[in-house]
């Protein structure tokens, strides 16, 4: 739910604002209206320093050491020297200075490289020739002739080596040691990430303090400073005590929508896990409703239906516990475990375990578990499809009820009669149909009940949808709303078939992998190896794809169908208290 906020207006003498804001930082509950952009060179410098630290942390987390300038320079030199060594090694070990001494003594060496197929041993009978090495299908050799003699040879000459392979190898070893040393330095810096993160948080707090201070208004010829802030009403007594001790002048009042107060969500431990999904869309207006309690139930249910496999649910539970050990994903661990548990329960109801129909297992029948499992057909249709449609109708009905409640609270009963009319008719009809199925009611009673609901609803929809307009205009507006509702609600209901389709696709793909694995198994023996590989790789891929679909599509059903039919407004701003 949305936590109630109290507005605080402070009047401070010039020069008191910095100490006052420092105290607010210590309290850590006051959201001060502040600029979110760099407003001068000082704040721009603060944000730039924070961004450098943020990038450094991201770089260390990714261990992409090639982006480190020093590491990259050493790595580039190492690669170049490695290539140079590859060119030198076929010529063996020698001193480059020896070439100069030989030339001075009247003898010059010429270097050649040729493929084995083109090498002619008879060349050695014509000219002094020495084969140095054979490497990769090529022969490396040198010839010796007088320095002042004109030289020609059937094979083109190559450049003489510029360095000794031994010396180059030594230089390469030194570079590799430097590269490893730099890598160890970066890993040590990553291991000490908490200090870097503390510097980053401190820089953000400093910038936040600066923005809050810069956002204070001045009055009375710049001798007074005006500060406006918001804090949860639960903290009112504590804050009053602190402010009274500080001997400052302030005024408090309950925050209103016109004040645009920050939105702080206040939910229990289970629901708060799903607040991350609400924030992906946007927090509610102050006079709106918190959709997180509804998202927590329906997103979990939709996710489980899309996965639809008890085995996959157990894998998700395991992954959730493993995420606790990864610092950057530890906060998501409880949510993944909950989604995995829901998937396991729905998987049992859908009687599917790693795409195997567990109703065929004898111990399942003997244990009585089959009594909670979904039958194959309901009224001649696939049971999973019927369940998806029913769940969708319930979801939309809840959205309409929520819209009616908050429309009445914000606009009054008389100004929300059209909303009441549609909710009464649609949700009432759903309730009547459910009662018919559950209690086998009399047909005449059903008919007159629906006629009564329709008649009462029609008054609000066609005649009183806006009590400030003429009945004729209201009737025209009612017809237009009816057209939109008739076409929109049908499409919304059919959207929930994606729950059935995604669950079916995952089950069929898993079944295909099981079939391939059983074919590879054959009569046993070494067939167990491909059986395990196909089953393991296949189900890992299927879980990954199913989890992606099970996240995106339930999110869409909540963000589009539910939010549209509940008229949710996600334009609220996050609660961001000034704190250290």
Protein backbone atom coordinates (compact mmCIF):
# COMPACT_ATOMS: atom_id res chain seq x y z
CA UNK A 1 0.00 0.00 0.00
CA UNK A 2 1.01 3.65 -0.35
CA UNK A 3 2.57 5.05 2.80
CA UNK A 4 1.02 8.32 4.00
CA UNK A 5 3.29 11.33 3.76
CA UNK A 6 3.56 14.52 5.80
CA UNK A 7 4.74 17.75 4.20
CA UNK A 8 7.27 19.86 6.09
CA UNK A 9 8.01 23.51 5.28
CA UNK A 10 11.05 24.93 7.06
CA UNK A 11 12.10 28.57 7.35
CA UNK A 12 15.79 28.93 8.16
CA UNK A 13 18.07 31.91 8.70
CA UNK A 14 20.68 32.39 6.03
CA UNK A 15 23.67 30.15 6.73
CA UNK A 16 21.68 27.56 8.69
CA UNK A 17 20.64 25.42 5.71
CA UNK A 18 23.85 23.41 5.38
CA UNK A 19 23.90 22.29 9.02
CA UNK A 20 20.16 21.61 8.88
CA UNK A 21 20.47 19.46 5.77
CA UNK A 22 23.39 17.60 7.34
CA UNK A 23 21.07 16.72 10.24
CA UNK A 24 18.42 15.53 7.79
CA UNK A 25 21.05 13.29 6.21
CA UNK A 26 21.64 11.69 9.58
CA UNK A 27 17.90 11.15 10.12
CA UNK A 28 17.61 9.56 6.67
CA UNK A 29 13.82 9.83 6.24
CA UNK A 30 13.21 13.30 4.72
CA UNK A 31 12.74 13.55 0.96
CA UNK A 32 13.79 17.06 -0.07
CA UNK A 33 12.65 18.48 -3.39
CA UNK A 34 15.83 18.62 -5.40
CA UNK A 35 17.16 18.98 -8.92
CA UNK A 36 18.18 15.72 -10.58
CA UNK A 37 20.59 17.32 -13.07
CA UNK A 38 23.98 18.92 -12.72
CA UNK A 39 23.23 22.58 -12.03
CA UNK A 40 26.78 23.98 -11.99
CA UNK A 41 30.42 22.97 -12.27
CA UNK A 42 30.55 21.72 -8.68
CA UNK A 43 27.64 19.30 -9.04
CA UNK A 44 28.80 18.26 -12.52
CA UNK A 45 32.21 17.39 -11.04
CA UNK A 46 30.58 15.35 -8.25
CA UNK A 47 28.49 13.39 -10.73
CA UNK A 48 31.48 12.86 -12.99
CA UNK A 49 33.54 11.45 -10.10
CA UNK A 50 30.65 9.18 -9.12
CA UNK A 51 30.34 8.01 -12.72
CA UNK A 52 34.04 7.16 -12.86
CA UNK A 53 33.68 5.05 -9.72
CA UNK A 54 30.54 3.38 -11.09
CA UNK A 55 32.30 2.49 -14.33
CA UNK A 56 35.29 1.19 -12.41
CA UNK A 57 33.05 -1.13 -10.35
CA UNK A 58 31.27 -2.35 -13.48
CA UNK A 59 34.64 -2.97 -15.14
CA UNK A 60 35.91 -4.97 -12.16
CA UNK A 61 32.66 -6.95 -11.88
CA UNK A 62 32.87 -7.96 -15.55
CA UNK A 63 36.62 -8.74 -15.30
CA UNK A 64 37.04 -7.29 -18.79
CA UNK A 65 40.67 -6.47 -18.11
CA UNK A 66 41.35 -5.55 -21.75
CA UNK A 67 39.65 -2.21 -20.96
CA UNK A 68 42.36 -1.37 -18.44
CA UNK A 69 44.90 0.88 -20.22
CA UNK A 70 47.99 -0.61 -18.56
CA UNK A 71 46.79 -4.19 -19.02
CA UNK A 72 45.81 -3.48 -22.64
CA UNK A 73 49.24 -1.97 -23.45
CA UNK A 74 51.07 -4.97 -21.99
CA UNK A 75 48.71 -7.37 -23.75
CA UNK A 76 49.24 -5.62 -27.11
CA UNK A 77 53.04 -5.76 -26.69
CA UNK A 78 52.81 -9.43 -25.73
CA UNK A 79 50.78 -10.30 -28.83
CA UNK A 80 53.19 -8.43 -31.14
CA UNK A 81 56.23 -10.06 -29.53
CA UNK A 82 54.58 -13.48 -29.77
CA UNK A 83 54.09 -13.00 -33.51
CA UNK A 84 57.70 -11.83 -33.85
CA UNK A 85 58.89 -14.93 -32.01
CA UNK A 86 56.89 -17.16 -34.36
CA UNK A 87 58.80 -15.62 -37.27
CA UNK A 88 62.20 -15.98 -35.55
CA UNK A 89 61.95 -19.53 -34.18
CA UNK A 90 62.37 -21.34 -37.54
CA UNK A 91 65.82 -19.71 -37.94
CA UNK A 92 67.13 -21.18 -34.71
CA UNK A 93 69.39 -19.50 -32.18
CA UNK A 94 72.09 -17.08 -33.39
CA UNK A 95 73.53 -13.64 -32.73
CA UNK A 96 72.38 -10.93 -35.18
CA UNK A 97 75.80 -9.28 -34.76
CA UNK A 98 77.36 -12.38 -36.33
CA UNK A 99 75.81 -11.40 -39.67
CA UNK A 100 77.68 -8.10 -39.57
CA UNK A 101 80.98 -9.82 -38.70
CA UNK A 102 80.57 -12.31 -41.55
CA UNK A 103 79.80 -9.51 -44.00
CA UNK A 104 82.89 -7.60 -42.87
CA UNK A 105 85.00 -10.73 -43.45
CA UNK A 106 83.74 -10.99 -47.04
CA UNK A 107 80.98 -13.61 -46.63
CA UNK A 108 77.28 -12.80 -46.87
CA UNK A 109 74.37 -15.03 -45.84
CA UNK A 110 71.09 -15.05 -47.80
CA UNK A 111 67.91 -16.33 -46.15
CA UNK A 112 65.23 -18.33 -47.99
CA UNK A 113 61.89 -19.97 -47.17
CA UNK A 114 60.27 -22.46 -49.57
CA UNK A 115 57.73 -25.29 -49.42
CA UNK A 116 59.04 -28.84 -49.26
CA UNK A 117 57.59 -29.63 -52.66
CA UNK A 118 59.61 -26.87 -54.31
CA UNK A 119 62.89 -27.48 -52.47
CA UNK A 120 65.63 -29.03 -54.63
CA UNK A 121 68.50 -30.71 -52.71
CA UNK A 122 70.75 -30.36 -55.79
CA UNK A 123 71.01 -26.65 -55.05
CA UNK A 124 73.62 -27.54 -52.44
CA UNK A 125 75.88 -28.90 -55.19
CA UNK A 126 75.95 -25.51 -56.90
CA UNK A 127 76.16 -23.12 -53.94
CA UNK A 128 77.00 -23.49 -50.24
CA UNK A 129 73.60 -24.15 -48.62
CA UNK A 130 72.53 -25.05 -45.09
CA UNK A 131 69.00 -26.14 -44.08
CA UNK A 132 68.13 -24.50 -40.74
CA UNK A 133 64.76 -26.11 -39.99
CA UNK A 134 61.56 -27.58 -41.35
CA UNK A 135 58.40 -26.07 -39.96
CA UNK A 136 54.75 -26.29 -41.09
CA UNK A 137 55.56 -27.82 -44.51
CA UNK A 138 58.22 -25.20 -45.25
CA UNK A 139 62.01 -25.46 -45.35
CA UNK A 140 64.12 -22.63 -44.00
CA UNK A 141 67.70 -22.45 -45.33
CA UNK A 142 70.59 -20.06 -45.89
CA UNK A 143 73.20 -19.76 -48.62
CA UNK A 144 76.71 -18.30 -48.28
CA UNK A 145 78.42 -16.36 -51.07
CA UNK A 146 81.22 -13.76 -51.27
CA UNK A 147 79.98 -10.35 -50.26
CA UNK A 148 81.17 -8.69 -53.47
CA UNK A 149 79.70 -11.33 -55.78
CA UNK A 150 76.41 -10.76 -57.63
CA UNK A 151 73.78 -13.09 -56.19
CA UNK A 152 70.85 -14.82 -57.90
CA UNK A 153 68.78 -17.81 -56.78
CA UNK A 154 65.64 -19.61 -58.08
CA UNK A 155 63.79 -18.92 -54.81
CA UNK A 156 63.01 -15.35 -53.62
CA UNK A 157 65.06 -14.10 -50.70
CA UNK A 158 63.41 -13.20 -47.34
CA UNK A 159 64.55 -10.63 -44.78
CA UNK A 160 67.18 -11.70 -42.34
CA UNK A 161 66.03 -12.07 -38.69
CA UNK A 162 66.39 -8.84 -36.75
CA UNK A 163 66.79 -10.48 -33.33
CA UNK A 164 67.63 -13.71 -31.61
CA UNK A 165 64.73 -16.06 -30.83
CA UNK A 166 66.27 -16.70 -27.41
CA UNK A 167 66.39 -13.00 -26.52
CA UNK A 168 62.88 -12.48 -27.84
CA UNK A 169 61.60 -15.41 -25.82
CA UNK A 170 63.12 -13.89 -22.71
CA UNK A 171 61.45 -10.54 -23.39
CA UNK A 172 58.14 -12.36 -23.96
CA UNK A 173 58.44 -14.14 -20.59
CA UNK A 174 58.99 -10.78 -18.87
CA UNK A 175 55.88 -9.32 -20.54
CA UNK A 176 53.79 -12.35 -19.54
CA UNK A 177 54.89 -11.94 -15.93
CA UNK A 178 53.94 -8.25 -16.07
CA UNK A 179 50.57 -9.19 -17.58
CA UNK A 180 49.88 -11.72 -14.81
CA UNK A 181 51.02 -9.24 -12.17
CA UNK A 182 48.66 -6.56 -13.50
CA UNK A 183 45.84 -9.11 -13.59
CA UNK A 184 46.53 -10.02 -9.96
CA UNK A 185 46.42 -6.29 -9.05
CA UNK A 186 43.01 -5.90 -10.70
CA UNK A 187 41.66 -9.05 -9.03
CA UNK A 188 42.91 -7.75 -5.68
CA UNK A 189 41.11 -4.46 -6.36
CA UNK A 190 37.94 -6.40 -7.15
CA UNK A 191 38.28 -8.39 -3.92
CA UNK A 192 38.36 -5.05 -2.10
CA UNK A 193 35.26 -3.80 -3.94
CA UNK A 194 33.51 -2.76 -0.72
CA UNK A 195 35.88 0.19 -0.31
CA UNK A 196 35.22 1.30 -3.88
CA UNK A 197 31.47 0.97 -3.37
CA UNK A 198 31.69 2.95 -0.12
CA UNK A 199 33.49 5.77 -1.97
CA UNK A 200 30.80 5.69 -4.66
CA UNK A 201 27.96 5.82 -2.11
CA UNK A 202 29.68 8.64 -0.25
CA UNK A 203 30.07 10.64 -3.46
CA UNK A 204 26.39 10.15 -4.31
CA UNK A 205 25.39 11.22 -0.81
CA UNK A 206 27.58 14.31 -1.15
CA UNK A 207 25.96 15.15 -4.51
CA UNK A 208 22.49 14.51 -3.11
CA UNK A 209 23.21 16.84 -0.22
CA UNK A 210 24.46 19.49 -2.64
CA UNK A 211 21.31 19.22 -4.80
CA UNK A 212 19.07 19.47 -1.76
CA UNK A 213 20.96 22.51 -0.54
CA UNK A 214 20.88 24.13 -3.98
CA UNK A 215 17.16 23.49 -4.29
CA UNK A 216 16.28 25.50 -1.19
CA UNK A 217 14.51 28.77 -1.96
CA UNK A 218 15.45 32.17 -0.62
CA UNK A 219 13.17 34.94 0.60
CA UNK A 220 13.23 38.18 2.65
CA UNK A 221 16.05 39.75 0.65
CA UNK A 222 18.02 36.51 0.70
CA UNK A 223 18.13 36.44 4.51
CA UNK A 224 15.80 33.44 4.89
CA UNK A 225 15.93 30.00 3.31
CA UNK A 226 12.81 27.97 2.53
CA UNK A 227 13.04 24.16 2.51
CA UNK A 228 10.22 21.79 1.61
CA UNK A 229 10.39 18.08 2.31
CA UNK A 230 8.27 14.98 2.79
CA UNK A 231 8.57 12.14 5.26
CA UNK A 232 6.37 9.13 6.14
CA UNK A 233 3.68 10.09 8.64
CA UNK A 234 4.80 7.21 10.87
CA UNK A 235 7.95 9.22 11.61
CA UNK A 236 6.09 12.41 12.54
CA UNK A 237 6.58 12.17 16.32
CA UNK A 238 10.30 11.43 16.02
CA UNK A 239 10.85 14.27 13.56
CA UNK A 240 8.91 16.80 15.60
CA UNK A 241 11.05 15.97 18.61
CA UNK A 242 14.26 16.38 16.59
CA UNK A 243 13.15 19.64 14.98
CA UNK A 244 11.98 21.11 18.30
CA UNK A 245 15.39 20.39 19.79
CA UNK A 246 17.03 22.11 16.78
CA UNK A 247 14.96 25.24 17.55
CA UNK A 248 13.90 25.91 13.97
CA UNK A 249 10.61 27.17 12.57
CA UNK A 250 8.61 24.67 10.57
CA UNK A 251 5.04 23.94 9.50
CA UNK A 252 3.57 20.47 8.92
CA UNK A 253 0.48 19.27 7.12
CA UNK A 254 -0.75 16.09 5.50
CA UNK A 255 0.59 15.80 1.97
CA UNK A 256 -1.91 16.15 -0.88
CA UNK A 257 -1.85 15.12 -4.52
CA UNK A 258 -1.14 18.71 -5.53
CA UNK A 259 2.08 18.64 -3.50
CA UNK A 260 3.36 15.78 -5.67
CA UNK A 261 4.77 13.90 -2.68
CA UNK A 262 7.18 11.00 -3.20
CA UNK A 263 5.69 7.50 -3.16
CA UNK A 264 6.89 5.05 -0.54
CA UNK A 265 5.37 1.57 -0.73
CA UNK A 266 4.63 -0.22 2.51
CA UNK A 267 3.98 -3.95 2.11
CA UNK A 268 4.63 -7.18 3.95
CA UNK A 269 7.71 -9.29 3.26
CA UNK A 270 6.03 -11.42 0.59
CA UNK A 271 4.48 -8.57 -1.39
CA UNK A 272 7.58 -6.35 -1.13
CA UNK A 273 9.53 -8.91 -3.19
CA UNK A 274 7.40 -7.91 -6.19
CA UNK A 275 7.87 -4.14 -5.80
CA UNK A 276 10.70 -4.39 -8.33
CA UNK A 277 8.04 -5.26 -10.94
CA UNK A 278 5.90 -2.26 -10.00
CA UNK A 279 8.93 0.01 -10.31
CA UNK A 280 9.57 -1.32 -13.83
CA UNK A 281 6.30 0.35 -14.86
CA UNK A 282 6.18 3.29 -12.46
CA UNK A 283 4.98 4.01 -8.94
CA UNK A 284 1.36 5.04 -8.42
CA UNK A 285 0.04 8.54 -7.95
CA UNK A 286 -0.46 9.59 -4.36
CA UNK A 287 -4.25 9.28 -4.70
CA UNK A 288 -3.98 6.00 -6.62
CA UNK A 289 -3.51 2.43 -5.46
CA UNK A 290 -0.49 0.21 -5.01
CA UNK A 291 -0.75 -2.60 -7.60
CA UNK A 292 1.98 -4.68 -5.96
CA UNK A 293 -0.37 -6.88 -3.84
CA UNK A 294 -2.29 -7.83 -7.00
CA UNK A 295 0.89 -8.31 -9.03
CA UNK A 296 2.35 -10.54 -6.31
CA UNK A 297 -0.53 -13.02 -6.59
CA UNK A 298 -1.27 -12.95 -10.29
CA UNK A 299 2.28 -12.63 -11.60
CA UNK A 300 3.30 -15.59 -9.47
CA UNK A 301 0.30 -17.60 -10.73
CA UNK A 302 0.85 -16.63 -14.38
CA UNK A 303 4.58 -17.41 -14.18
CA UNK A 304 3.84 -20.83 -12.72
CA UNK A 305 1.24 -21.57 -15.40
CA UNK A 306 3.64 -20.60 -18.19
CA UNK A 307 6.36 -22.87 -16.76
CA UNK A 308 3.82 -25.53 -15.78
CA UNK A 309 6.35 -28.18 -14.73
CA UNK A 310 7.08 -29.40 -11.21
CA UNK A 311 10.61 -30.44 -12.17
CA UNK A 312 11.38 -27.01 -13.57
CA UNK A 313 10.02 -25.49 -10.37
CA UNK A 314 12.48 -27.50 -8.27
CA UNK A 315 15.32 -26.31 -10.54
CA UNK A 316 14.23 -22.69 -10.00
CA UNK A 317 14.18 -23.20 -6.23
CA UNK A 318 17.76 -24.51 -6.42
CA UNK A 319 18.81 -21.56 -8.61
CA UNK A 320 17.18 -19.19 -6.13
CA UNK A 321 19.22 -20.56 -3.24
CA UNK A 322 22.41 -20.41 -5.33
CA UNK A 323 21.73 -16.74 -6.13
CA UNK A 324 22.17 -15.96 -2.43
CA UNK A 325 25.87 -16.60 -2.92
CA UNK A 326 26.11 -14.04 -5.77
CA UNK A 327 26.24 -10.60 -4.18
CA UNK A 328 24.79 -8.68 -7.13
CA UNK A 329 21.78 -11.05 -7.40
CA UNK A 330 21.22 -11.87 -3.73
CA UNK A 331 18.18 -9.56 -3.51
CA UNK A 332 16.42 -11.56 -6.24
CA UNK A 333 16.99 -14.88 -4.49
CA UNK A 334 13.73 -14.91 -2.43
CA UNK A 335 11.65 -13.96 -5.48
CA UNK A 336 13.14 -16.77 -7.59
CA UNK A 337 12.54 -19.28 -4.78
CA UNK A 338 8.90 -18.19 -4.44
CA UNK A 339 8.34 -18.41 -8.21
CA UNK A 340 9.98 -21.84 -8.20
CA UNK A 341 7.74 -23.04 -5.37
CA UNK A 342 4.62 -21.79 -7.19
CA UNK A 343 5.80 -23.51 -10.39
CA UNK A 344 6.26 -26.76 -8.47
CA UNK A 345 2.71 -26.61 -7.08
CA UNK A 346 1.15 -25.76 -10.44
CA UNK A 347 3.31 -28.43 -12.08
CA UNK A 348 1.85 -31.04 -9.73
CA UNK A 349 -1.68 -29.80 -10.51
CA UNK A 350 -0.84 -30.01 -14.24
CA UNK A 351 0.75 -33.44 -13.43
CA UNK A 352 3.98 -32.66 -15.31
CA UNK A 353 7.53 -33.41 -14.13
CA UNK A 354 10.28 -32.65 -16.67
CA UNK A 355 7.61 -33.04 -19.38
CA UNK A 356 6.61 -36.47 -18.09
CA UNK A 357 2.96 -37.14 -17.23
CA UNK A 358 3.21 -38.26 -13.60
CA UNK A 359 -0.33 -39.65 -13.58
CA UNK A 360 1.22 -42.71 -15.21
CA UNK A 361 3.36 -43.37 -12.16
CA UNK A 362 1.85 -46.03 -9.94
CA UNK A 363 2.85 -44.45 -6.63
CA UNK A 364 1.07 -41.22 -7.62
CA UNK A 365 -2.22 -43.08 -8.10
CA UNK A 366 -1.76 -45.01 -4.87
CA UNK A 367 -0.93 -41.85 -2.86
CA UNK A 368 -4.16 -40.11 -3.88
CA UNK A 369 -2.30 -37.14 -5.40
CA UNK A 370 -4.28 -37.54 -8.60
CA UNK A 371 -7.33 -36.05 -6.86
CA UNK A 372 -5.71 -32.57 -6.94
CA UNK A 373 -4.54 -32.90 -10.53
CA UNK A 374 -6.24 -31.27 -13.48
CA UNK A 375 -8.24 -33.60 -15.73
CA UNK A 376 -7.34 -33.76 -19.40
CA UNK A 377 -10.66 -32.26 -20.54
CA UNK A 378 -13.28 -29.90 -19.11
CA UNK A 379 -16.57 -29.75 -21.01
CA UNK A 380 -14.80 -31.28 -24.01
CA UNK A 381 -12.01 -28.68 -24.11
CA UNK A 382 -8.39 -28.83 -22.99
CA UNK A 383 -8.44 -28.25 -19.22
CA UNK A 384 -5.36 -26.00 -19.23
CA UNK A 385 -6.99 -23.71 -21.79
CA UNK A 386 -10.18 -23.45 -19.71
CA UNK A 387 -8.15 -22.66 -16.59
CA UNK A 388 -6.23 -19.91 -18.45
CA UNK A 389 -9.49 -18.27 -19.57
CA UNK A 390 -11.05 -18.52 -16.10
CA UNK A 391 -7.96 -17.06 -14.43
CA UNK A 392 -7.98 -14.22 -16.98
CA UNK A 393 -11.65 -13.43 -16.26
CA UNK A 394 -10.93 -13.35 -12.52
CA UNK A 395 -7.92 -11.09 -13.11
CA UNK A 396 -9.97 -8.62 -15.15
CA UNK A 397 -12.81 -8.73 -12.63
CA UNK A 398 -10.43 -7.82 -9.82
CA UNK A 399 -9.11 -4.93 -11.97
CA UNK A 400 -12.63 -3.59 -12.48
CA UNK A 401 -13.46 -3.85 -8.78
CA UNK A 402 -10.25 -2.00 -7.89
CA UNK A 403 -11.03 0.71 -10.46
CA UNK A 404 -14.54 1.14 -9.02
CA UNK A 405 -13.35 1.38 -5.43
CA UNK A 406 -10.69 4.03 -6.16
CA UNK A 407 -12.90 5.95 -8.59
CA UNK A 408 -15.51 6.23 -5.85
CA UNK A 409 -12.90 7.30 -3.29
CA UNK A 410 -11.34 9.96 -5.52
CA UNK A 411 -14.35 11.26 -7.49
CA UNK A 412 -17.32 10.36 -5.31
CA UNK A 413 -20.14 7.89 -5.90
CA UNK A 414 -22.26 10.13 -8.13
CA UNK A 415 -19.32 10.93 -10.42
CA UNK A 416 -18.42 7.26 -10.90
CA UNK A 417 -21.83 5.77 -11.76
CA UNK A 418 -20.66 4.64 -15.22
CA UNK A 419 -17.80 2.73 -13.64
CA UNK A 420 -20.21 1.17 -11.16
CA UNK A 421 -22.52 0.23 -14.03
CA UNK A 422 -19.89 -1.64 -16.01
CA UNK A 423 -18.47 -3.37 -12.94
CA UNK A 424 -21.91 -4.38 -11.73
CA UNK A 425 -22.86 -5.80 -15.11
CA UNK A 426 -19.62 -7.58 -16.06
CA UNK A 427 -18.44 -8.78 -12.66
CA UNK A 428 -22.04 -9.52 -11.61
CA UNK A 429 -22.54 -11.67 -14.73
CA UNK A 430 -19.33 -13.55 -14.00
CA UNK A 431 -20.49 -14.13 -10.42
CA UNK A 432 -23.88 -15.42 -11.61
CA UNK A 433 -22.29 -17.83 -14.10
CA UNK A 434 -19.94 -19.09 -11.38
CA UNK A 435 -22.91 -19.64 -9.05
CA UNK A 436 -24.75 -21.53 -11.78
CA UNK A 437 -21.81 -23.88 -12.26
CA UNK A 438 -21.24 -24.34 -8.53
CA UNK A 439 -24.84 -24.66 -7.28
CA UNK A 440 -26.87 -25.64 -10.37
CA UNK A 441 -29.32 -22.75 -9.92
CA UNK A 442 -32.77 -22.52 -11.49
CA UNK A 443 -32.73 -21.20 -15.09
CA UNK A 444 -35.54 -18.68 -14.53
CA UNK A 445 -33.74 -17.22 -11.52
CA UNK A 446 -30.55 -16.83 -13.57
CA UNK A 447 -32.39 -15.08 -16.39
CA UNK A 448 -34.13 -12.54 -14.18
CA UNK A 449 -30.93 -11.91 -12.18
CA UNK A 450 -28.99 -11.05 -15.33
CA UNK A 451 -31.87 -8.89 -16.62
CA UNK A 452 -31.93 -7.04 -13.30
CA UNK A 453 -28.15 -6.50 -13.36
CA UNK A 454 -28.33 -5.28 -16.94
CA UNK A 455 -31.18 -2.85 -16.22
CA UNK A 456 -29.52 -1.29 -13.18
CA UNK A 457 -26.16 -1.10 -14.97
CA UNK A 458 -27.73 0.53 -18.04
CA UNK A 459 -28.88 3.49 -15.96
CA UNK A 460 -25.33 4.27 -14.89
CA UNK A 461 -23.81 3.46 -18.31
CA UNK A 462 -26.24 5.29 -20.60
CA UNK A 463 -28.02 7.92 -18.49
CA UNK A 464 -25.87 8.91 -15.52
CA UNK A 465 -22.31 8.37 -16.76
CA UNK A 466 -21.79 12.12 -16.20
CA UNK A 467 -24.38 13.81 -14.00
CA UNK A 468 -23.28 17.23 -15.28
CA UNK A 469 -24.26 16.51 -18.91
CA UNK A 470 -27.63 16.14 -20.63
CA UNK A 471 -29.13 12.59 -20.86
CA UNK A 472 -28.87 12.69 -24.67
CA UNK A 473 -25.12 13.33 -24.60
CA UNK A 474 -24.75 10.67 -21.92
CA UNK A 475 -26.63 8.16 -24.06
CA UNK A 476 -24.30 8.77 -27.02
CA UNK A 477 -21.25 8.48 -24.79
CA UNK A 478 -22.70 5.27 -23.34
CA UNK A 479 -23.05 3.74 -26.81
CA UNK A 480 -19.45 4.58 -27.61
CA UNK A 481 -18.27 3.10 -24.28
CA UNK A 482 -20.31 -0.03 -25.01
CA UNK A 483 -18.63 -0.48 -28.38
CA UNK A 484 -15.17 -0.02 -26.86
CA UNK A 485 -15.95 -2.31 -23.94
CA UNK A 486 -17.46 -5.06 -26.13
CA UNK A 487 -14.47 -5.15 -28.47
CA UNK A 488 -11.83 -4.53 -25.82
CA UNK A 489 -12.95 -6.95 -23.13
CA UNK A 490 -13.11 -9.87 -25.56
CA UNK A 491 -9.57 -9.20 -26.76
CA UNK A 492 -8.39 -8.85 -23.18
CA UNK A 493 -9.87 -12.19 -22.18
CA UNK A 494 -8.37 -13.95 -25.20
CA UNK A 495 -4.96 -12.50 -24.29
CA UNK A 496 -4.83 -14.91 -21.39
CA UNK A 497 -4.68 -17.84 -23.81
CA UNK A 498 -0.95 -17.09 -23.95
CA UNK A 499 -0.69 -18.74 -20.50
CA UNK A 500 -2.02 -21.95 -22.02
CA UNK A 501 0.04 -21.62 -25.22
CA UNK A 502 3.36 -21.00 -23.44
CA UNK A 503 2.79 -23.87 -21.02
CA UNK A 504 1.88 -26.20 -23.90
CA UNK A 505 4.90 -25.12 -25.98
CA UNK A 506 7.29 -25.76 -23.09
CA UNK A 507 5.74 -29.16 -22.36
CA UNK A 508 5.88 -30.23 -26.02
CA UNK A 509 9.50 -29.13 -26.43
CA UNK A 510 10.50 -30.95 -23.24
CA UNK A 511 8.62 -34.04 -24.46
CA UNK A 512 10.54 -33.88 -27.75
CA UNK A 513 13.88 -33.83 -25.88
CA UNK A 514 12.74 -36.78 -23.76
CA UNK A 515 11.85 -38.72 -26.92
CA UNK A 516 15.23 -37.98 -28.51
CA UNK A 517 17.02 -39.01 -25.32
CA UNK A 518 15.08 -42.31 -25.15
CA UNK A 519 15.90 -43.00 -28.80
CA UNK A 520 19.60 -42.46 -28.06
CA UNK A 521 19.36 -44.74 -25.01
CA UNK A 522 18.23 -47.73 -27.09
CA UNK A 523 18.86 -50.97 -25.23
CA UNK A 524 21.14 -49.39 -22.65
CA UNK A 525 24.90 -49.89 -22.56
CA UNK A 526 26.83 -46.78 -23.63
CA UNK A 527 23.53 -45.26 -24.76
CA UNK A 528 23.27 -43.74 -21.27
CA UNK A 529 25.89 -41.14 -22.21
CA UNK A 530 23.98 -39.53 -25.13
CA UNK A 531 20.74 -40.04 -23.15
CA UNK A 532 22.04 -37.93 -20.26
CA UNK A 533 23.59 -35.30 -22.54
CA UNK A 534 20.46 -34.85 -24.68
CA UNK A 535 18.11 -34.76 -21.68
CA UNK A 536 20.33 -32.40 -19.69
CA UNK A 537 21.13 -29.93 -22.48
CA UNK A 538 17.59 -30.08 -23.86
CA UNK A 539 15.87 -29.34 -20.55
CA UNK A 540 18.38 -26.60 -19.63
CA UNK A 541 17.59 -24.84 -22.92
CA UNK A 542 13.86 -25.39 -22.41
CA UNK A 543 13.98 -23.99 -18.86
CA UNK A 544 15.86 -20.91 -20.07
CA UNK A 545 13.38 -20.21 -22.89
CA UNK A 546 10.34 -21.03 -20.74
CA UNK A 547 11.56 -18.78 -17.92
CA UNK A 548 12.04 -15.88 -20.35
CA UNK A 549 8.50 -16.27 -21.71
CA UNK A 550 7.13 -16.83 -18.21
CA UNK A 551 8.61 -13.49 -17.14
CA UNK A 552 7.70 -11.32 -20.13
CA UNK A 553 4.13 -12.43 -20.85
CA UNK A 554 2.77 -12.38 -17.26
CA UNK A 555 4.36 -8.95 -16.94
CA UNK A 556 2.48 -7.89 -20.07
CA UNK A 557 -0.83 -9.23 -18.74
CA UNK A 558 -0.38 -7.17 -15.57
CA UNK A 559 0.98 -4.02 -17.23
CA UNK A 560 -1.50 -3.99 -20.11
CA UNK A 561 -4.73 -5.86 -19.33
CA UNK A 562 -4.84 -5.31 -15.56
CA UNK A 563 -3.52 -1.74 -15.52
CA UNK A 564 -5.81 -0.71 -18.37
CA UNK A 565 -8.97 -2.13 -16.81
CA UNK A 566 -8.08 -0.81 -13.35
CA UNK A 567 -7.06 2.62 -14.77
CA UNK A 568 -3.74 2.48 -12.96
CA UNK A 569 -1.60 5.61 -13.21
CA UNK A 570 2.12 4.98 -12.72
CA UNK A 571 3.30 8.60 -12.78
CA UNK A 572 4.33 8.83 -9.12
CA UNK A 573 7.91 9.65 -8.16
CA UNK A 574 10.04 7.38 -6.00
CA UNK A 575 10.67 8.16 -2.36
CA UNK A 576 14.32 9.26 -2.19
CA UNK A 577 15.19 10.43 1.33
CA UNK A 578 18.27 12.53 1.98
CA UNK A 579 20.66 10.22 3.82
CA UNK A 580 24.28 9.32 4.25
